[in-house]
Amino acid sequence: MMDESLRELYQEVILDHSRHPRHFGPLEHATHDGQGHNPLCGDRVTVHLIVDGEDRIQRITFEGRGCAISQASASLMTDMLTGRTVGEAEELMNGFLHLVKGEDASDLAEDDLDRLQVMAGVSAFPMRVKCATLAWHTMKSALENGASQAEAAKTE
């Protein structure tokens, strides 16, 4: 059971990221874009990335609207993925998905787990898991779409 003061701190972090999202807005010259929508609650997110030739995420931003959980999760995600490789981003996403589903997330690095722990309480509310994971799934889709677009451009 989570300590009440810790729960309050986590709620404050979520509200801060929701009210003052990091990396929010369009991104000129994005190499990858993805759009996500949660029809159950109406949350919408667009993720923009610039991935360099070494598969490193140079910049990542998001746009959209939704509940505090979806916006905070997108903000936290963009904050954590800047500078990581695509492979590292996918590993982080998998660990995050385990965490918010209430599964074993011990595959996350300790500092990543510490930062993402604020979202762990979502696992108690299955309908909110989709809110928390929307931006992450959209980022993965953007990476997959961008990769296929880049391959198509090479073959033209």
C-alpha atoms as a PDB file:
ATOM      1  CA  MET A   1       0.000   0.000   0.000  1.00  0.00           C
ATOM      2  CA  MET A   2       1.335   3.412  -0.959  1.00  0.00           C
ATOM      3  CA  ASP A   3       2.047   5.918   1.794  1.00  0.00           C
ATOM      4  CA  GLU A   4      -0.463   8.809   1.701  1.00  0.00           C
ATOM      5  CA  SER A   5       2.217  11.545   1.521  1.00  0.00           C
ATOM      6  CA  LEU A   6       3.874   9.697  -1.373  1.00  0.00           C
ATOM      7  CA  ARG A   7       0.517   9.420  -3.167  1.00  0.00           C
ATOM      8  CA  GLU A   8       0.003  13.179  -2.747  1.00  0.00           C
ATOM      9  CA  LEU A   9       3.499  13.879  -4.107  1.00  0.00           C
ATOM     10  CA  TYR A  10       2.809  11.683  -7.154  1.00  0.00           C
ATOM     11  CA  GLN A  11      -0.501  13.471  -7.745  1.00  0.00           C
ATOM     12  CA  GLU A  12       1.325  16.818  -7.600  1.00  0.00           C
ATOM     13  CA  VAL A  13       3.902  15.609 -10.148  1.00  0.00           C
ATOM     14  CA  ILE A  14       1.131  14.412 -12.487  1.00  0.00           C
ATOM     15  CA  LEU A  15      -0.719  17.719 -12.152  1.00  0.00           C
ATOM     16  CA  ASP A  16       2.477  19.692 -12.746  1.00  0.00           C
ATOM     17  CA  HIS A  17       3.267  17.769 -15.945  1.00  0.00           C
ATOM     18  CA  SER A  18      -0.360  18.116 -17.035  1.00  0.00           C
ATOM     19  CA  ARG A  19      -0.586  21.866 -16.409  1.00  0.00           C
ATOM     20  CA  HIS A  20       2.962  22.659 -17.590  1.00  0.00           C
ATOM     21  CA  PRO A  21       3.786  19.972 -20.161  1.00  0.00           C
ATOM     22  CA  ARG A  22       7.383  19.629 -21.245  1.00  0.00           C
ATOM     23  CA  HIS A  23       8.212  19.481 -24.963  1.00  0.00           C
ATOM     24  CA  PHE A  24       4.687  20.504 -26.002  1.00  0.00           C
ATOM     25  CA  GLY A  25       4.115  21.879 -29.485  1.00  0.00           C
ATOM     26  CA  PRO A  26       4.921  21.282 -33.136  1.00  0.00           C
ATOM     27  CA  LEU A  27       8.374  20.230 -34.294  1.00  0.00           C
ATOM     28  CA  GLU A  28       9.742  21.559 -37.558  1.00  0.00           C
ATOM     29  CA  HIS A  29      11.630  19.079 -39.736  1.00  0.00           C
ATOM     30  CA  ALA A  30      10.365  16.045 -37.801  1.00  0.00           C
ATOM     31  CA  THR A  31      11.591  12.770 -39.271  1.00  0.00           C
ATOM     32  CA  HIS A  32       8.784  10.786 -37.624  1.00  0.00           C
ATOM     33  CA  ASP A  33       5.171  11.668 -36.753  1.00  0.00           C
ATOM     34  CA  GLY A  34       2.378   9.640 -35.220  1.00  0.00           C
ATOM     35  CA  GLN A  35      -1.198  10.278 -34.216  1.00  0.00           C
ATOM     36  CA  GLY A  36      -3.093   8.560 -31.438  1.00  0.00           C
ATOM     37  CA  HIS A  37      -6.690   8.715 -30.277  1.00  0.00           C
ATOM     38  CA  ASN A  38      -8.476   7.076 -27.381  1.00  0.00           C
ATOM     39  CA  PRO A  39     -12.123   6.900 -28.484  1.00  0.00           C
ATOM     40  CA  LEU A  40     -13.260   5.876 -24.981  1.00  0.00           C
ATOM     41  CA  CYS A  41     -12.429   9.272 -23.482  1.00  0.00           C
ATOM     42  CA  GLY A  42     -11.572  11.488 -26.450  1.00  0.00           C
ATOM     43  CA  ASP A  43      -7.864  11.944 -25.674  1.00  0.00           C
ATOM     44  CA  ARG A  44      -5.841  12.812 -28.779  1.00  0.00           C
ATOM     45  CA  VAL A  45      -2.083  13.080 -29.167  1.00  0.00           C
ATOM     46  CA  THR A  46       0.362  13.699 -31.995  1.00  0.00           C
ATOM     47  CA  VAL A  47       4.005  12.831 -31.399  1.00  0.00           C
ATOM     48  CA  HIS A  48       6.817  14.377 -33.474  1.00  0.00           C
ATOM     49  CA  LEU A  49      10.401  13.113 -33.425  1.00  0.00           C
ATOM     50  CA  ILE A  50      13.725  13.943 -34.985  1.00  0.00           C
ATOM     51  CA  VAL A  51      15.771  10.755 -35.140  1.00  0.00           C
ATOM     52  CA  ASP A  52      19.350  11.106 -36.348  1.00  0.00           C
ATOM     53  CA  GLY A  53      21.371   8.744 -38.552  1.00  0.00           C
ATOM     54  CA  GLU A  54      22.583   6.861 -35.478  1.00  0.00           C
ATOM     55  CA  ASP A  55      19.008   6.051 -34.396  1.00  0.00           C
ATOM     56  CA  ARG A  56      19.117   8.541 -31.528  1.00  0.00           C
ATOM     57  CA  ILE A  57      16.089  10.669 -30.643  1.00  0.00           C
ATOM     58  CA  GLN A  58      17.436  14.213 -30.938  1.00  0.00           C
ATOM     59  CA  ARG A  59      14.109  15.926 -30.220  1.00  0.00           C
ATOM     60  CA  ILE A  60      10.618  14.790 -29.372  1.00  0.00           C
ATOM     61  CA  THR A  61       7.498  16.878 -28.869  1.00  0.00           C
ATOM     62  CA  PHE A  62       3.794  16.226 -28.571  1.00  0.00           C
ATOM     63  CA  GLU A  63       0.568  18.063 -29.247  1.00  0.00           C
ATOM     64  CA  GLY A  64      -2.986  17.241 -28.330  1.00  0.00           C
ATOM     65  CA  ARG A  65      -5.549  17.376 -25.621  1.00  0.00           C
ATOM     66  CA  GLY A  66      -6.818  15.021 -23.020  1.00  0.00           C
ATOM     67  CA  CYS A  67      -7.090  14.219 -19.359  1.00  0.00           C
ATOM     68  CA  ALA A  68      -4.397  15.020 -16.814  1.00  0.00           C
ATOM     69  CA  ILE A  69      -3.044  11.468 -16.937  1.00  0.00           C
ATOM     70  CA  SER A  70      -2.612  11.358 -20.724  1.00  0.00           C
ATOM     71  CA  GLN A  71      -1.006  14.808 -20.839  1.00  0.00           C
ATOM     72  CA  ALA A  72       1.298  14.105 -17.881  1.00  0.00           C
ATOM     73  CA  SER A  73       2.334  10.766 -19.341  1.00  0.00           C
ATOM     74  CA  ALA A  74       3.148  12.369 -22.716  1.00  0.00           C
ATOM     75  CA  SER A  75       5.147  15.115 -20.996  1.00  0.00           C
ATOM     76  CA  LEU A  76       7.082  12.633 -18.873  1.00  0.00           C
ATOM     77  CA  MET A  77       7.720  10.436 -21.921  1.00  0.00           C
ATOM     78  CA  THR A  78       9.138  13.267 -24.040  1.00  0.00           C
ATOM     79  CA  ASP A  79      11.306  14.384 -21.136  1.00  0.00           C
ATOM     80  CA  MET A  80      12.742  10.893 -20.693  1.00  0.00           C
ATOM     81  CA  LEU A  81      13.242   9.920 -24.354  1.00  0.00           C
ATOM     82  CA  THR A  82      15.240  12.916 -25.569  1.00  0.00           C
ATOM     83  CA  GLY A  83      18.778  11.724 -26.323  1.00  0.00           C
ATOM     84  CA  ARG A  84      17.997   8.004 -26.152  1.00  0.00           C
ATOM     85  CA  THR A  85      18.350   5.543 -28.984  1.00  0.00           C
ATOM     86  CA  VAL A  86      15.248   4.060 -30.599  1.00  0.00           C
ATOM     87  CA  GLY A  87      16.097   0.711 -28.957  1.00  0.00           C
ATOM     88  CA  GLU A  88      16.364   2.343 -25.536  1.00  0.00           C
ATOM     89  CA  ALA A  89      13.043   4.114 -26.151  1.00  0.00           C
ATOM     90  CA  GLU A  90      11.339   0.818 -26.950  1.00  0.00           C
ATOM     91  CA  GLU A  91      12.809  -0.818 -23.821  1.00  0.00           C
ATOM     92  CA  LEU A  92      11.611   2.087 -21.697  1.00  0.00           C
ATOM     93  CA  MET A  93       8.140   1.855 -23.237  1.00  0.00           C
ATOM     94  CA  ASN A  94       7.920  -1.882 -22.508  1.00  0.00           C
ATOM     95  CA  GLY A  95       8.917  -1.318 -18.895  1.00  0.00           C
ATOM     96  CA  PHE A  96       6.419   1.530 -18.593  1.00  0.00           C
ATOM     97  CA  LEU A  97       3.616  -0.668 -19.980  1.00  0.00           C
ATOM     98  CA  HIS A  98       4.407  -3.338 -17.365  1.00  0.00           C
ATOM     99  CA  LEU A  99       4.418  -0.691 -14.636  1.00  0.00           C
ATOM    100  CA  VAL A 100       1.035   0.862 -15.453  1.00  0.00           C
ATOM    101  CA  LYS A 101      -0.554  -2.565 -15.871  1.00  0.00           C
ATOM    102  CA  GLY A 102       0.611  -3.516 -12.380  1.00  0.00           C
ATOM    103  CA  GLU A 103       3.077  -6.083 -13.726  1.00  0.00           C
ATOM    104  CA  ASP A 104       6.730  -6.639 -12.859  1.00  0.00           C
ATOM    105  CA  ALA A 105       8.697  -3.629 -14.114  1.00  0.00           C
ATOM    106  CA  SER A 106      12.063  -4.692 -12.683  1.00  0.00           C
ATOM    107  CA  ASP A 107      13.523  -4.601 -16.204  1.00  0.00           C
ATOM    108  CA  LEU A 108      13.535  -0.788 -15.945  1.00  0.00           C
ATOM    109  CA  ALA A 109      16.739   0.911 -14.867  1.00  0.00           C
ATOM    110  CA  GLU A 110      16.435   2.132 -11.286  1.00  0.00           C
ATOM    111  CA  ASP A 111      16.494   5.853 -12.152  1.00  0.00           C
ATOM    112  CA  ASP A 112      13.888   5.327 -14.900  1.00  0.00           C
ATOM    113  CA  LEU A 113      11.688   3.364 -12.504  1.00  0.00           C
ATOM    114  CA  ASP A 114      12.004   6.148  -9.921  1.00  0.00           C
ATOM    115  CA  ARG A 115      10.818   8.762 -12.463  1.00  0.00           C
ATOM    116  CA  LEU A 116       7.989   6.635 -13.878  1.00  0.00           C
ATOM    117  CA  GLN A 117       6.750   5.433 -10.476  1.00  0.00           C
ATOM    118  CA  VAL A 118       4.398   8.451 -10.369  1.00  0.00           C
ATOM    119  CA  MET A 119       2.237   6.655 -12.961  1.00  0.00           C
ATOM    120  CA  ALA A 120       2.138   3.262 -11.187  1.00  0.00           C
ATOM    121  CA  GLY A 121      -1.120   4.064  -9.377  1.00  0.00           C
ATOM    122  CA  VAL A 122      -2.919   4.027 -12.721  1.00  0.00           C
ATOM    123  CA  SER A 123      -2.840   0.213 -12.608  1.00  0.00           C
ATOM    124  CA  ALA A 124      -5.664   0.333 -10.034  1.00  0.00           C
ATOM    125  CA  PHE A 125      -7.906   1.958 -12.664  1.00  0.00           C
ATOM    126  CA  PRO A 126      -7.930  -0.193 -15.838  1.00  0.00           C
ATOM    127  CA  MET A 127      -9.833   2.436 -17.859  1.00  0.00           C
ATOM    128  CA  ARG A 128      -7.056   4.952 -17.116  1.00  0.00           C
ATOM    129  CA  VAL A 129      -4.259   2.662 -18.350  1.00  0.00           C
ATOM    130  CA  LYS A 130      -5.227   3.573 -21.933  1.00  0.00           C
ATOM    131  CA  CYS A 131      -4.881   7.263 -21.010  1.00  0.00           C
ATOM    132  CA  ALA A 132      -1.406   6.703 -19.570  1.00  0.00           C
ATOM    133  CA  THR A 133      -0.186   4.601 -22.503  1.00  0.00           C
ATOM    134  CA  LEU A 134      -1.651   6.606 -25.417  1.00  0.00           C
ATOM    135  CA  ALA A 135       1.424   8.797 -26.015  1.00  0.00           C
ATOM    136  CA  TRP A 136       3.784   5.822 -25.649  1.00  0.00           C
ATOM    137  CA  HIS A 137       1.904   3.743 -28.241  1.00  0.00           C
ATOM    138  CA  THR A 138       1.769   6.806 -30.505  1.00  0.00           C
ATOM    139  CA  MET A 139       5.546   7.276 -30.167  1.00  0.00           C
ATOM    140  CA  LYS A 140       6.105   3.622 -31.129  1.00  0.00           C
ATOM    141  CA  SER A 141       3.772   4.041 -34.104  1.00  0.00           C
ATOM    142  CA  ALA A 142       5.618   7.206 -35.149  1.00  0.00           C
ATOM    143  CA  LEU A 143       8.946   5.355 -35.048  1.00  0.00           C
ATOM    144  CA  GLU A 144       7.531   2.489 -37.122  1.00  0.00           C
ATOM    145  CA  ASN A 145       5.835   4.840 -39.624  1.00  0.00           C
ATOM    146  CA  GLY A 146       8.922   7.014 -39.960  1.00  0.00           C
ATOM    147  CA  ALA A 147      11.135   3.995 -40.520  1.00  0.00           C
ATOM    148  CA  SER A 148       8.889   2.715 -43.298  1.00  0.00           C
ATOM    149  CA  GLN A 149       8.724   6.207 -44.858  1.00  0.00           C
ATOM    150  CA  ALA A 150      12.528   6.455 -44.772  1.00  0.00           C
ATOM    151  CA  GLU A 151      12.879   3.041 -46.426  1.00  0.00           C
ATOM    152  CA  ALA A 152      10.358   4.019 -49.110  1.00  0.00           C
ATOM    153  CA  ALA A 153      12.315   7.222 -49.820  1.00  0.00           C
ATOM    154  CA  LYS A 154      15.542   5.202 -50.248  1.00  0.00           C
ATOM    155  CA  THR A 155      13.931   2.905 -52.835  1.00  0.00           C
ATOM    156  CA  GLU A 156      12.453   5.726 -54.935  1.00  0.00           C
END
